């Protein structure tokens, strides 16, 4: 899940930056920037969920 989260973060960044290169139209840039932001936030949520599941203060965490 951590790898998926990092790929989502990187993919969101690439979508947002790629939108700057792909088009000169402001509306297209805005849509791609928002899509990249949503993808990155999905990656952050996934990474946070993975961290909470494997937290050291929970039973079965990383520091047993």
PDB file of N, CA and C in Angstrom:
ATOM      1  N   UNK A   1       0.819  -1.194   0.000  1.00  0.00           N
ATOM      2  CA  UNK A   1       0.000   0.000   0.000  1.00  0.00           C
ATOM      3  C   UNK A   1       0.863   1.257   0.000  1.00  0.00           C
ATOM      4  N   UNK A   2       2.022   1.172   0.629  1.00  0.00           N
ATOM      5  CA  UNK A   2       2.896   2.341   0.650  1.00  0.00           C
ATOM      6  C   UNK A   2       3.388   2.680  -0.745  1.00  0.00           C
ATOM      7  N   UNK A   3       3.686   1.661  -1.528  1.00  0.00           N
ATOM      8  CA  UNK A   3       4.149   1.893  -2.891  1.00  0.00           C
ATOM      9  C   UNK A   3       3.023   2.510  -3.725  1.00  0.00           C
ATOM     10  N   UNK A   4       1.807   2.013  -3.548  1.00  0.00           N
ATOM     11  CA  UNK A   4       0.659   2.580  -4.247  1.00  0.00           C
ATOM     12  C   UNK A   4       0.477   4.049  -3.878  1.00  0.00           C
ATOM     13  N   UNK A   5       0.592   4.361  -2.597  1.00  0.00           N
ATOM     14  CA  UNK A   5       0.431   5.741  -2.146  1.00  0.00           C
ATOM     15  C   UNK A   5       1.503   6.643  -2.751  1.00  0.00           C
ATOM     16  N   UNK A   6       2.731   6.181  -2.783  1.00  0.00           N
ATOM     17  CA  UNK A   6       3.799   6.988  -3.361  1.00  0.00           C
ATOM     18  C   UNK A   6       3.608   7.162  -4.866  1.00  0.00           C
ATOM     19  N   UNK A   7       3.105   6.118  -5.536  1.00  0.00           N
ATOM     20  CA  UNK A   7       2.822   6.248  -6.969  1.00  0.00           C
ATOM     21  C   UNK A   7       1.687   7.239  -7.227  1.00  0.00           C
ATOM     22  N   UNK A   8       0.683   7.246  -6.356  1.00  0.00           N
ATOM     23  CA  UNK A   8      -0.392   8.220  -6.487  1.00  0.00           C
ATOM     24  C   UNK A   8       0.123   9.646  -6.274  1.00  0.00           C
ATOM     25  N   UNK A   9       0.983   9.822  -5.285  1.00  0.00           N
ATOM     26  CA  UNK A   9       1.561  11.142  -5.045  1.00  0.00           C
ATOM     27  C   UNK A   9       2.376  11.614  -6.246  1.00  0.00           C
ATOM     28  N   UNK A  10       3.222  10.756  -6.745  1.00  0.00           N
ATOM     29  CA  UNK A  10       4.053  11.108  -7.890  1.00  0.00           C
ATOM     30  C   UNK A  10       3.200  11.308  -9.145  1.00  0.00           C
ATOM     31  N   UNK A  11       2.216  10.453  -9.334  1.00  0.00           N
ATOM     32  CA  UNK A  11       1.322  10.589 -10.486  1.00  0.00           C
ATOM     33  C   UNK A  11       0.532  11.887 -10.452  1.00  0.00           C
ATOM     34  N   UNK A  12       0.060  12.279  -9.290  1.00  0.00           N
ATOM     35  CA  UNK A  12      -0.668  13.542  -9.160  1.00  0.00           C
ATOM     36  C   UNK A  12       0.203  14.735  -9.493  1.00  0.00           C
ATOM     37  N   UNK A  13       1.445  14.671  -9.052  1.00  0.00           N
ATOM     38  CA  UNK A  13       2.382  15.742  -9.365  1.00  0.00           C
ATOM     39  C   UNK A  13       2.644  15.798 -10.867  1.00  0.00           C
ATOM     40  N   UNK A  14       2.793  14.633 -11.474  1.00  0.00           N
ATOM     41  CA  UNK A  14       3.063  14.581 -12.908  1.00  0.00           C
ATOM     42  C   UNK A  14       1.866  15.078 -13.722  1.00  0.00           C
ATOM     43  N   UNK A  15       0.662  14.800 -13.280  1.00  0.00           N
ATOM     44  CA  UNK A  15      -0.531  15.289 -13.967  1.00  0.00           C
ATOM     45  C   UNK A  15      -0.580  16.814 -13.897  1.00  0.00           C
ATOM     46  N   UNK A  16      -0.331  17.362 -12.710  1.00  0.00           N
ATOM     47  CA  UNK A  16      -0.398  18.808 -12.537  1.00  0.00           C
ATOM     48  C   UNK A  16       0.668  19.517 -13.361  1.00  0.00           C
ATOM     49  N   UNK A  17       1.885  19.029 -13.327  1.00  0.00           N
ATOM     50  CA  UNK A  17       2.964  19.659 -14.092  1.00  0.00           C
ATOM     51  C   UNK A  17       2.779  19.402 -15.588  1.00  0.00           C
ATOM     52  N   UNK A  18       2.313  18.215 -15.937  1.00  0.00           N
ATOM     53  CA  UNK A  18       2.064  17.913 -17.335  1.00  0.00           C
ATOM     54  C   UNK A  18       0.990  18.796 -17.941  1.00  0.00           C
ATOM     55  N   UNK A  19       0.059  19.246 -17.137  1.00  0.00           N
ATOM     56  CA  UNK A  19      -0.974  20.150 -17.623  1.00  0.00           C
ATOM     57  C   UNK A  19      -0.420  21.496 -18.041  1.00  0.00           C
ATOM     58  N   UNK A  20       0.658  21.907 -17.426  1.00  0.00           N
ATOM     59  CA  UNK A  20       1.285  23.168 -17.810  1.00  0.00           C
ATOM     60  C   UNK A  20       1.920  23.062 -19.187  1.00  0.00           C
ATOM     61  N   UNK A  21       2.464  21.895 -19.495  1.00  0.00           N
ATOM     62  CA  UNK A  21       3.143  21.690 -20.769  1.00  0.00           C
ATOM     63  C   UNK A  21       2.141  21.330 -21.869  1.00  0.00           C
ATOM     64  N   UNK A  22       1.078  20.644 -21.509  1.00  0.00           N
ATOM     65  CA  UNK A  22       0.167  20.077 -22.503  1.00  0.00           C
ATOM     66  C   UNK A  22      -0.683  21.113 -23.225  1.00  0.00           C
ATOM     67  N   UNK A  23      -1.020  22.199 -22.559  1.00  0.00           N
ATOM     68  CA  UNK A  23      -1.976  23.116 -23.169  1.00  0.00           C
ATOM     69  C   UNK A  23      -1.693  24.552 -22.747  1.00  0.00           C
ATOM     70  N   UNK A  24      -2.133  25.477 -23.604  1.00  0.00           N
ATOM     71  CA  UNK A  24      -2.067  26.894 -23.266  1.00  0.00           C
ATOM     72  C   UNK A  24      -3.412  27.401 -22.747  1.00  0.00           C
ATOM     73  N   UNK A  25      -4.452  26.587 -22.877  1.00  0.00           N
ATOM     74  CA  UNK A  25      -5.786  26.999 -22.444  1.00  0.00           C
ATOM     75  C   UNK A  25      -5.878  26.956 -20.924  1.00  0.00           C
ATOM     76  N   UNK A  26      -6.348  28.036 -20.363  1.00  0.00           N
ATOM     77  CA  UNK A  26      -6.440  28.147 -18.912  1.00  0.00           C
ATOM     78  C   UNK A  26      -7.376  27.107 -18.311  1.00  0.00           C
ATOM     79  N   UNK A  27      -8.489  26.826 -18.977  1.00  0.00           N
ATOM     80  CA  UNK A  27      -9.459  25.868 -18.448  1.00  0.00           C
ATOM     81  C   UNK A  27      -8.865  24.461 -18.382  1.00  0.00           C
ATOM     82  N   UNK A  28      -8.108  24.089 -19.398  1.00  0.00           N
ATOM     83  CA  UNK A  28      -7.479  22.762 -19.407  1.00  0.00           C
ATOM     84  C   UNK A  28      -6.436  22.674 -18.305  1.00  0.00           C
ATOM     85  N   UNK A  29      -5.662  23.731 -18.142  1.00  0.00           N
ATOM     86  CA  UNK A  29      -4.655  23.746 -17.072  1.00  0.00           C
ATOM     87  C   UNK A  29      -5.302  23.641 -15.697  1.00  0.00           C
ATOM     88  N   UNK A  30      -6.410  24.348 -15.508  1.00  0.00           N
ATOM     89  CA  UNK A  30      -7.115  24.307 -14.231  1.00  0.00           C
ATOM     90  C   UNK A  30      -7.658  22.911 -13.946  1.00  0.00           C
ATOM     91  N   UNK A  31      -8.267  22.297 -14.945  1.00  0.00           N
ATOM     92  CA  UNK A  31      -8.824  20.954 -14.759  1.00  0.00           C
ATOM     93  C   UNK A  31      -7.725  19.949 -14.436  1.00  0.00           C
ATOM     94  N   UNK A  32      -6.608  20.016 -15.171  1.00  0.00           N
ATOM     95  CA  UNK A  32      -5.505  19.084 -14.903  1.00  0.00           C
ATOM     96  C   UNK A  32      -4.857  19.347 -13.548  1.00  0.00           C
ATOM     97  N   UNK A  33      -4.779  20.608 -13.149  1.00  0.00           N
ATOM     98  CA  UNK A  33      -4.224  20.914 -11.835  1.00  0.00           C
ATOM     99  C   UNK A  33      -5.114  20.355 -10.724  1.00  0.00           C
ATOM    100  N   UNK A  34      -6.420  20.502 -10.882  1.00  0.00           N
ATOM    101  CA  UNK A  34      -7.347  19.966  -9.879  1.00  0.00           C
ATOM    102  C   UNK A  34      -7.337  18.444  -9.868  1.00  0.00           C
ATOM    103  N   UNK A  35      -7.225  17.833 -11.042  1.00  0.00           N
ATOM    104  CA  UNK A  35      -7.129  16.378 -11.119  1.00  0.00           C
ATOM    105  C   UNK A  35      -5.843  15.884 -10.458  1.00  0.00           C
ATOM    106  N   UNK A  36      -4.746  16.589 -10.694  1.00  0.00           N
ATOM    107  CA  UNK A  36      -3.479  16.240 -10.046  1.00  0.00           C
ATOM    108  C   UNK A  36      -3.551  16.409  -8.537  1.00  0.00           C
ATOM    109  N   UNK A  37      -4.203  17.467  -8.088  1.00  0.00           N
ATOM    110  CA  UNK A  37      -4.367  17.685  -6.650  1.00  0.00           C
ATOM    111  C   UNK A  37      -5.194  16.578  -6.018  1.00  0.00           C
ATOM    112  N   UNK A  38      -6.284  16.195  -6.678  1.00  0.00           N
ATOM    113  CA  UNK A  38      -7.134  15.132  -6.147  1.00  0.00           C
ATOM    114  C   UNK A  38      -6.382  13.808  -6.086  1.00  0.00           C
ATOM    115  N   UNK A  39      -5.584  13.527  -7.105  1.00  0.00           N
ATOM    116  CA  UNK A  39      -4.804  12.292  -7.125  1.00  0.00           C
ATOM    117  C   UNK A  39      -3.769  12.294  -5.999  1.00  0.00           C
ATOM    118  N   UNK A  40      -3.100  13.420  -5.813  1.00  0.00           N
ATOM    119  CA  UNK A  40      -2.107  13.518  -4.748  1.00  0.00           C
ATOM    120  C   UNK A  40      -2.744  13.399  -3.365  1.00  0.00           C
ATOM    121  N   UNK A  41      -3.900  14.007  -3.192  1.00  0.00           N
ATOM    122  CA  UNK A  41      -4.592  13.889  -1.905  1.00  0.00           C
ATOM    123  C   UNK A  41      -5.047  12.455  -1.651  1.00  0.00           C
ATOM    124  N   UNK A  42      -5.435  11.751  -2.702  1.00  0.00           N
ATOM    125  CA  UNK A  42      -5.746  10.329  -2.561  1.00  0.00           C
ATOM    126  C   UNK A  42      -4.522   9.546  -2.121  1.00  0.00           C
ATOM    127  N   UNK A  43      -3.356   9.897  -2.651  1.00  0.00           N
ATOM    128  CA  UNK A  43      -2.112   9.260  -2.227  1.00  0.00           C
ATOM    129  C   UNK A  43      -1.776   9.561  -0.781  1.00  0.00           C
ATOM    130  N   UNK A  44      -2.000  10.792  -0.354  1.00  0.00           N
ATOM    131  CA  UNK A  44      -1.751  11.160   1.044  1.00  0.00           C
ATOM    132  C   UNK A  44      -2.685  10.391   1.969  1.00  0.00           C
ATOM    133  N   UNK A  45      -3.954  10.282   1.591  1.00  0.00           N
ATOM    134  CA  UNK A  45      -4.917   9.539   2.405  1.00  0.00           C
ATOM    135  C   UNK A  45      -4.541   8.065   2.498  1.00  0.00           C
ATOM    136  N   UNK A  46      -4.097   7.490   1.384  1.00  0.00           N
ATOM    137  CA  UNK A  46      -3.680   6.088   1.380  1.00  0.00           C
ATOM    138  C   UNK A  46      -2.448   5.885   2.244  1.00  0.00           C
ATOM    139  N   UNK A  47      -1.496   6.794   2.132  1.00  0.00           N
ATOM    140  CA  UNK A  47      -0.279   6.698   2.933  1.00  0.00           C
ATOM    141  C   UNK A  47      -0.592   6.853   4.418  1.00  0.00           C
ATOM    142  N   UNK A  48      -1.488   7.765   4.755  1.00  0.00           N
ATOM    143  CA  UNK A  48      -1.872   7.955   6.148  1.00  0.00           C
ATOM    144  C   UNK A  48      -2.580   6.720   6.688  1.00  0.00           C
ATOM    145  N   UNK A  49      -3.469   6.134   5.897  1.00  0.00           N
ATOM    146  CA  UNK A  49      -4.185   4.935   6.320  1.00  0.00           C
ATOM    147  C   UNK A  49      -3.212   3.781   6.566  1.00  0.00           C
ATOM    148  N   UNK A  50      -2.234   3.633   5.686  1.00  0.00           N
ATOM    149  CA  UNK A  50      -1.229   2.589   5.855  1.00  0.00           C
ATOM    150  C   UNK A  50      -0.404   2.825   7.112  1.00  0.00           C
ATOM    151  N   UNK A  51      -0.055   4.073   7.353  1.00  0.00           N
ATOM    152  CA  UNK A  51       0.727   4.403   8.546  1.00  0.00           C
ATOM    153  C   UNK A  51      -0.057   4.093   9.823  1.00  0.00           C
ATOM    154  N   UNK A  52      -1.327   4.467   9.841  1.00  0.00           N
ATOM    155  CA  UNK A  52      -2.143   4.246  11.034  1.00  0.00           C
ATOM    156  C   UNK A  52      -2.328   2.752  11.289  1.00  0.00           C
ATOM    157  N   UNK A  53      -2.466   1.949  10.231  1.00  0.00           N
ATOM    158  CA  UNK A  53      -2.626   0.508  10.402  1.00  0.00           C
ATOM    159  C   UNK A  53      -1.371  -0.138  10.972  1.00  0.00           C
ATOM    160  N   UNK A  54      -0.206   0.400  10.647  1.00  0.00           N
ATOM    161  CA  UNK A  54       1.050  -0.186  11.094  1.00  0.00           C
ATOM    162  C   UNK A  54       1.719   0.629  12.191  1.00  0.00           C
ATOM    163  N   UNK A  55       0.970   1.445  12.893  1.00  0.00           N
ATOM    164  CA  UNK A  55       1.532   2.319  13.916  1.00  0.00           C
ATOM    165  C   UNK A  55       2.107   1.497  15.073  1.00  0.00           C
ATOM    166  N   UNK A  56       3.165   2.004  15.659  1.00  0.00           N
ATOM    167  CA  UNK A  56       3.846   1.261  16.711  1.00  0.00           C
ATOM    168  C   UNK A  56       3.034   1.185  18.000  1.00  0.00           C
ATOM    169  N   UNK A  57       2.088   2.091  18.209  1.00  0.00           N
ATOM    170  CA  UNK A  57       1.305   2.058  19.440  1.00  0.00           C
ATOM    171  C   UNK A  57       0.130   1.083  19.354  1.00  0.00           C
ATOM    172  N   UNK A  58      -0.121   0.516  18.183  1.00  0.00           N
ATOM    173  CA  UNK A  58      -1.177  -0.472  18.047  1.00  0.00           C
ATOM    174  C   UNK A  58      -0.606  -1.865  18.196  1.00  0.00           C
ATOM    175  N   UNK A  59      -1.454  -2.778  18.594  1.00  0.00           N
ATOM    176  CA  UNK A  59      -1.030  -4.159  18.699  1.00  0.00           C
ATOM    177  C   UNK A  59      -0.677  -4.684  17.313  1.00  0.00           C
ATOM    178  N   UNK A  60       0.473  -5.290  17.182  1.00  0.00           N
ATOM    179  CA  UNK A  60       0.920  -5.796  15.894  1.00  0.00           C
ATOM    180  C   UNK A  60       1.600  -4.738  15.052  1.00  0.00           C
ATOM    181  N   UNK A  61       2.014  -3.628  15.681  1.00  0.00           N
ATOM    182  CA  UNK A  61       2.675  -2.559  14.941  1.00  0.00           C
ATOM    183  C   UNK A  61       4.104  -2.909  14.594  1.00  0.00           C
ATOM    184  N   UNK A  62       4.824  -1.937  14.093  1.00  0.00           N
ATOM    185  CA  UNK A  62       6.189  -2.172  13.595  1.00  0.00           C
ATOM    186  C   UNK A  62       7.181  -2.428  14.732  1.00  0.00           C
ATOM    187  N   UNK A  63       7.013  -1.801  15.884  1.00  0.00           N
ATOM    188  CA  UNK A  63       7.968  -1.929  16.979  1.00  0.00           C
ATOM    189  C   UNK A  63       7.431  -2.844  18.076  1.00  0.00           C
ATOM    190  N   UNK A  64       7.280  -4.103  17.764  1.00  0.00           N
ATOM    191  CA  UNK A  64       6.714  -5.056  18.742  1.00  0.00           C
ATOM    192  C   UNK A  64       7.753  -5.478  19.733  1.00  0.00           C
TER     193      UNK A  64
END
